[in-house]
Amino acid sequence: MDIRPSRRGVLAGVAAAAVAAALPAGGTAFAQGAGDDGIAGQLRALEREHSARLGVFAHDTGTGRRVLYRANTLFPMCSTFKTIAVAAVLRDLDHNGKFLAKVIHYTMEYVTQAGYAPITGLPDNVAGGMTVADLCAAAIDYSDNGAANLLLRELGGPGAVTRFCRSIGDDVTRLDRWEPDLNSAEPGRVTDTSSPRALGLTYARLALGDALTATDRQRLTGWLLANTTSTNRFRAGLPKDWTLADKTGTGSYGTTNDVGITWPPGRKPIVLTVLSTKNDSAAPADEPLIAATAAILAAALA
């Protein structure tokens, strides 16, 4: 029997969520100390096993418990920015759905330059254009770079994402470049980065807090619930009956990310951010690392 909460039930809960329930205030933080042989030790063991660097922020909005591991360290954001870009479109450009219904026309060359265009690159979409709403869905659900660049163009460029973050209290997250350049992920780069804590709190404000109207919050959460790219990441590590609304990101240096909200049955949501990177520029994405980390976090917060 499938006992996962329904999509409609989750969206109804999102609409009723209070800001205080979404944002960490008080509670118990653990796994952040170097001397902790429990969760921190497990995360360090994963880093050694995968030759990677992990950043983790998890917050149980029901109990207040948190897992912090390099939570304030900068990591490349990669495609996790797309959720924020869509939120900026909803808040700053759309008015009663009129902008979402606007059809954007583009060329195949434009989306091909973005590097990954599974939806915007379809012949019918190139020929007829796509609505802004469909571009939002493509950017989140399929991580379509062409859709993301078209949305950034409507917003006025990558800096709009940074400005949006500042407007909702995120002083860390920044976007400086377009797809696909923003995924270069060189060690030490500060552009196109965020920290696990900052990114997790921003997703919480968008999906659970009052940074968006109730209608836009439901729209955004609906797209996150429909994400198709985390099958081997959070989805593989979390219990099967936990509902998941998330966005992944992938870049050079083995950068592999996942950020989102998960709803265990009968409990309030948990905010999860797992960011990772490696020293080898040619290292492939390491999805098992993200899945294993998610499993550790689910066990810790169960």
Protein backbone atom coordinates (compact mmCIF):
# COMPACT_ATOMS: atom_id res chain seq x y z
CA MET A 1 0.00 0.00 0.00
CA ASP A 2 1.26 3.49 -0.92
CA ILE A 3 1.05 5.55 2.27
CA ARG A 4 2.83 8.62 0.96
CA PRO A 5 0.91 11.87 1.39
CA SER A 6 -0.86 12.94 -1.76
CA ARG A 7 0.46 15.73 -3.97
CA ARG A 8 -2.74 17.68 -3.26
CA GLY A 9 -2.34 17.12 0.48
CA VAL A 10 1.24 18.33 0.43
CA LEU A 11 0.31 21.44 -1.52
CA ALA A 12 -2.52 22.19 0.88
CA GLY A 13 -0.10 21.85 3.77
CA VAL A 14 2.36 24.16 2.06
CA ALA A 15 -0.30 26.82 1.66
CA ALA A 16 -1.02 26.69 5.38
CA ALA A 17 2.59 26.55 6.58
CA ALA A 18 3.80 29.34 8.86
CA VAL A 19 7.16 31.06 8.54
CA ALA A 20 8.09 30.10 12.09
CA ALA A 21 7.72 26.45 11.20
CA ALA A 22 9.98 26.79 8.18
CA LEU A 23 12.98 28.63 9.53
CA PRO A 24 15.43 27.26 12.10
CA ALA A 25 15.15 28.96 15.46
CA GLY A 26 16.40 27.09 18.47
CA GLY A 27 16.40 23.32 18.54
CA THR A 28 19.41 21.05 18.76
CA ALA A 29 22.31 21.24 16.31
CA PHE A 30 24.56 18.23 15.97
CA ALA A 31 27.14 16.63 13.66
CA GLN A 32 29.08 19.86 13.34
CA GLY A 33 31.92 19.22 15.79
CA ALA A 34 35.20 17.63 14.70
CA GLY A 35 35.12 15.44 17.80
CA ASP A 36 31.69 13.99 17.08
CA ASP A 37 32.12 10.31 16.26
CA GLY A 38 28.45 9.89 15.39
CA ILE A 39 26.89 11.58 12.38
CA ALA A 40 29.93 13.73 11.69
CA GLY A 41 32.07 10.62 11.72
CA GLN A 42 29.78 8.96 9.19
CA LEU A 43 29.96 11.98 6.93
CA ARG A 44 33.74 12.14 7.18
CA ALA A 45 33.91 8.45 6.30
CA LEU A 46 31.81 9.13 3.20
CA GLU A 47 34.16 11.94 2.20
CA ARG A 48 37.15 9.62 2.47
CA GLU A 49 35.42 6.82 0.60
CA HIS A 50 34.38 9.11 -2.27
CA SER A 51 37.40 11.46 -2.22
CA ALA A 52 34.94 14.33 -1.91
CA ARG A 53 34.06 17.32 0.23
CA LEU A 54 30.55 17.43 1.67
CA GLY A 55 28.42 20.29 2.91
CA VAL A 56 25.23 19.48 4.79
CA PHE A 57 22.34 21.40 6.28
CA ALA A 58 19.24 19.60 7.55
CA HIS A 59 16.45 21.06 9.64
CA ASP A 60 13.47 19.21 11.06
CA THR A 61 10.76 21.88 11.24
CA GLY A 62 8.75 19.78 13.70
CA THR A 63 11.42 19.13 16.34
CA GLY A 64 13.89 21.92 15.58
CA ARG A 65 16.76 19.43 15.33
CA ARG A 66 19.47 20.27 12.81
CA VAL A 67 22.43 18.55 11.20
CA LEU A 68 25.24 20.94 10.28
CA TYR A 69 28.39 19.84 8.48
CA ARG A 70 30.41 22.52 6.70
CA ALA A 71 27.08 24.32 6.69
CA ASN A 72 28.64 27.75 6.17
CA THR A 73 31.24 26.72 3.57
CA LEU A 74 30.79 27.91 -0.01
CA PHE A 75 30.06 25.31 -2.70
CA PRO A 76 29.21 25.68 -6.40
CA MET A 77 25.43 25.97 -6.74
CA CYS A 78 25.08 24.64 -10.28
CA SER A 79 21.44 24.02 -11.25
CA THR A 80 20.04 24.43 -7.75
CA PHE A 81 19.79 28.13 -8.67
CA LYS A 82 16.94 27.34 -11.05
CA THR A 83 14.41 27.09 -8.24
CA ILE A 84 15.36 30.59 -7.10
CA ALA A 85 15.20 31.97 -10.64
CA VAL A 86 11.70 30.55 -11.05
CA ALA A 87 10.69 32.05 -7.69
CA ALA A 88 11.95 35.45 -8.89
CA VAL A 89 9.86 35.13 -12.03
CA LEU A 90 6.78 34.29 -9.96
CA ARG A 91 7.25 37.15 -7.51
CA ASP A 92 8.66 39.91 -9.67
CA LEU A 93 7.34 39.35 -13.19
CA ASP A 94 4.07 37.46 -12.99
CA HIS A 95 0.74 39.10 -12.22
CA ASN A 96 -2.25 36.78 -11.85
CA GLY A 97 -0.74 34.28 -14.27
CA LYS A 98 -0.52 36.67 -17.21
CA PHE A 99 3.26 36.56 -17.52
CA LEU A 100 3.30 32.79 -17.03
CA ALA A 101 1.05 32.53 -20.09
CA LYS A 102 3.39 34.60 -22.27
CA VAL A 103 4.96 32.63 -25.14
CA ILE A 104 8.74 33.01 -25.46
CA HIS A 105 10.22 32.39 -28.92
CA TYR A 106 13.84 31.36 -29.36
CA THR A 107 16.21 29.64 -31.77
CA MET A 108 17.73 26.20 -31.58
CA GLU A 109 21.16 27.83 -31.56
CA TYR A 110 20.27 29.78 -28.41
CA VAL A 111 19.27 26.75 -26.37
CA THR A 112 22.05 24.56 -27.78
CA GLN A 113 24.60 27.04 -26.49
CA ALA A 114 23.21 26.45 -23.01
CA GLY A 115 24.61 22.92 -23.12
CA TYR A 116 21.57 20.87 -22.03
CA ALA A 117 18.11 21.38 -23.49
CA PRO A 118 15.98 18.20 -23.30
CA ILE A 119 12.72 20.17 -23.38
CA THR A 120 13.51 23.50 -25.03
CA GLY A 121 15.41 21.62 -27.74
CA LEU A 122 12.36 19.62 -28.87
CA PRO A 123 11.48 20.57 -32.47
CA ASP A 124 7.87 21.48 -31.69
CA ASN A 125 8.97 23.79 -28.87
CA VAL A 126 11.59 25.49 -31.01
CA ALA A 127 9.04 26.01 -33.78
CA GLY A 128 6.22 27.34 -31.63
CA GLY A 129 7.96 28.72 -28.57
CA MET A 130 7.11 27.91 -24.96
CA THR A 131 5.07 29.66 -22.30
CA VAL A 132 6.92 31.04 -19.32
CA ALA A 133 5.10 28.50 -17.14
CA ASP A 134 6.39 25.66 -19.30
CA LEU A 135 9.90 27.11 -19.15
CA CYS A 136 9.66 27.17 -15.35
CA ALA A 137 8.59 23.54 -15.31
CA ALA A 138 11.35 22.53 -17.74
CA ALA A 139 14.01 24.35 -15.69
CA ILE A 140 13.04 22.66 -12.41
CA ASP A 141 11.65 19.28 -13.46
CA TYR A 142 14.22 18.48 -16.17
CA SER A 143 17.01 20.92 -15.25
CA ASP A 144 16.81 22.34 -18.77
CA ASN A 145 19.61 24.88 -19.20
CA GLY A 146 18.00 26.50 -22.21
CA ALA A 147 14.84 27.18 -20.19
CA ALA A 148 16.91 28.58 -17.33
CA ASN A 149 18.78 30.99 -19.62
CA LEU A 150 15.53 32.16 -21.18
CA LEU A 151 14.12 32.87 -17.71
CA LEU A 152 17.31 34.67 -16.71
CA ARG A 153 17.00 36.77 -19.87
CA GLU A 154 13.47 37.79 -18.86
CA LEU A 155 14.72 38.66 -15.36
CA GLY A 156 17.55 40.83 -16.69
CA GLY A 157 20.48 38.44 -16.20
CA PRO A 158 22.06 36.28 -13.47
CA GLY A 159 22.43 39.20 -11.08
CA ALA A 160 18.65 39.21 -10.66
CA VAL A 161 18.92 35.93 -8.78
CA THR A 162 21.44 37.46 -6.39
CA ARG A 163 19.22 40.49 -5.84
CA PHE A 164 16.22 38.27 -5.20
CA CYS A 165 18.17 36.31 -2.60
CA ARG A 166 19.18 39.50 -0.81
CA SER A 167 15.57 40.66 -0.79
CA ILE A 168 14.47 37.57 1.17
CA GLY A 169 17.30 37.62 3.68
CA ASP A 170 19.90 35.42 1.97
CA ASP A 171 23.20 37.32 2.08
CA VAL A 172 25.32 34.42 0.81
CA THR A 173 23.85 32.92 -2.36
CA ARG A 174 24.99 34.58 -5.58
CA LEU A 175 24.65 33.92 -9.29
CA ASP A 176 27.11 35.60 -11.67
CA ARG A 177 27.11 33.67 -14.94
CA TRP A 178 24.79 31.98 -17.42
CA GLU A 179 24.43 28.31 -18.29
CA PRO A 180 26.61 26.39 -18.84
CA ASP A 181 29.56 28.51 -17.61
CA LEU A 182 28.22 28.72 -14.05
CA ASN A 183 28.95 24.99 -13.63
CA SER A 184 32.75 25.28 -13.96
CA ALA A 185 33.01 24.80 -10.17
CA GLU A 186 36.74 25.46 -9.75
CA PRO A 187 38.00 25.08 -6.17
CA GLY A 188 38.13 28.43 -4.42
CA ARG A 189 35.73 30.17 -6.82
CA VAL A 190 33.26 32.43 -5.03
CA THR A 191 31.01 33.28 -7.96
CA ASP A 192 27.92 31.15 -8.54
CA THR A 193 28.11 29.73 -5.02
CA SER A 194 26.12 29.31 -1.86
CA SER A 195 26.49 27.54 1.46
CA PRO A 196 24.39 24.57 2.59
CA ARG A 197 22.80 26.66 5.33
CA ALA A 198 22.01 29.64 3.10
CA LEU A 199 20.61 27.52 0.29
CA GLY A 200 18.54 25.40 2.66
CA LEU A 201 17.04 28.43 4.36
CA THR A 202 16.24 30.04 1.02
CA TYR A 203 14.42 26.92 -0.18
CA ALA A 204 12.54 26.88 3.14
CA ARG A 205 11.48 30.49 2.72
CA LEU A 206 10.25 29.76 -0.80
CA ALA A 207 8.49 26.44 -0.22
CA LEU A 208 7.33 26.83 3.38
CA GLY A 209 7.62 30.49 4.33
CA ASP A 210 6.09 33.72 3.12
CA ALA A 211 8.66 34.83 0.52
CA LEU A 212 6.01 34.06 -2.10
CA THR A 213 2.25 34.36 -2.09
CA ALA A 214 0.33 31.20 -1.24
CA THR A 215 -0.57 30.70 -4.91
CA ASP A 216 3.01 31.08 -6.12
CA ARG A 217 4.30 28.93 -3.27
CA GLN A 218 1.97 26.14 -4.39
CA ARG A 219 3.08 26.55 -8.02
CA LEU A 220 6.75 26.37 -7.10
CA THR A 221 6.26 23.41 -4.76
CA GLY A 222 4.27 21.59 -7.43
CA TRP A 223 7.18 21.88 -9.84
CA LEU A 224 9.63 20.70 -7.16
CA LEU A 225 7.40 17.72 -6.41
CA ALA A 226 7.48 16.81 -10.11
CA ASN A 227 11.29 16.86 -10.33
CA THR A 228 12.64 13.99 -12.45
CA THR A 229 16.38 14.31 -11.79
CA SER A 230 16.83 13.05 -8.22
CA THR A 231 16.00 9.38 -8.69
CA ASN A 232 19.55 8.36 -7.77
CA ARG A 233 20.14 11.15 -5.24
CA PHE A 234 17.75 12.11 -2.42
CA ARG A 235 15.06 9.81 -3.72
CA ALA A 236 17.42 6.81 -3.54
CA GLY A 237 18.51 7.58 0.02
CA LEU A 238 15.28 8.64 1.69
CA PRO A 239 12.59 6.22 2.86
CA LYS A 240 10.17 5.39 0.05
CA ASP A 241 7.18 6.81 1.92
CA TRP A 242 8.74 10.27 2.36
CA THR A 243 7.36 12.78 -0.14
CA LEU A 244 10.10 14.81 -1.81
CA ALA A 245 10.18 18.23 -3.48
CA ASP A 246 13.72 19.03 -4.61
CA LYS A 247 16.16 20.33 -7.21
CA THR A 248 19.51 18.85 -8.19
CA GLY A 249 22.68 20.44 -9.54
CA THR A 250 25.73 19.03 -11.34
CA GLY A 251 29.02 20.53 -12.49
CA SER A 252 32.72 20.00 -13.07
CA TYR A 253 34.99 18.72 -10.31
CA GLY A 254 32.45 16.04 -9.50
CA THR A 255 30.05 18.67 -8.15
CA THR A 256 26.84 16.88 -7.20
CA ASN A 257 24.07 18.65 -5.29
CA ASP A 258 20.53 18.17 -4.10
CA VAL A 259 18.36 20.62 -2.15
CA GLY A 260 14.74 20.41 -1.13
CA ILE A 261 11.97 19.65 1.30
CA THR A 262 10.79 16.21 2.36
CA TRP A 263 7.64 15.22 4.22
CA PRO A 264 7.83 12.06 6.35
CA PRO A 265 4.37 10.51 6.91
CA GLY A 266 2.47 12.26 9.66
CA ARG A 267 5.26 14.72 10.40
CA LYS A 268 6.20 18.27 9.60
CA PRO A 269 8.63 18.84 6.72
CA ILE A 270 12.39 18.47 6.85
CA VAL A 271 14.65 20.84 4.91
CA LEU A 272 17.63 19.08 3.31
CA THR A 273 20.72 20.47 1.57
CA VAL A 274 23.61 18.27 0.46
CA LEU A 275 26.36 19.86 -1.64
CA SER A 276 29.53 18.09 -2.73
CA THR A 277 32.61 18.63 -4.86
CA LYS A 278 35.98 17.03 -5.61
CA ASN A 279 39.52 18.08 -6.54
CA ASP A 280 39.55 16.38 -9.96
CA SER A 281 38.13 18.62 -12.68
CA ALA A 282 37.10 15.58 -14.74
CA ALA A 283 35.46 13.68 -11.88
CA PRO A 284 31.95 12.53 -12.82
CA ALA A 285 28.84 13.26 -10.79
CA ASP A 286 28.73 11.09 -7.66
CA GLU A 287 25.06 10.34 -7.09
CA PRO A 288 25.69 7.44 -4.65
CA LEU A 289 27.43 9.95 -2.35
CA ILE A 290 24.30 12.12 -2.23
CA ALA A 291 22.04 9.10 -1.71
CA ALA A 292 24.22 7.78 1.13
CA THR A 293 24.26 11.19 2.80
CA ALA A 294 20.47 11.46 2.54
CA ALA A 295 20.15 8.05 4.18
CA ILE A 296 22.34 9.18 7.08
CA LEU A 297 20.26 12.33 7.53
CA ALA A 298 16.97 10.44 7.39
CA ALA A 299 18.18 8.05 10.09
CA ALA A 300 19.46 10.90 12.24
CA LEU A 301 16.20 12.81 12.08
CA ALA A 302 13.83 9.84 12.20
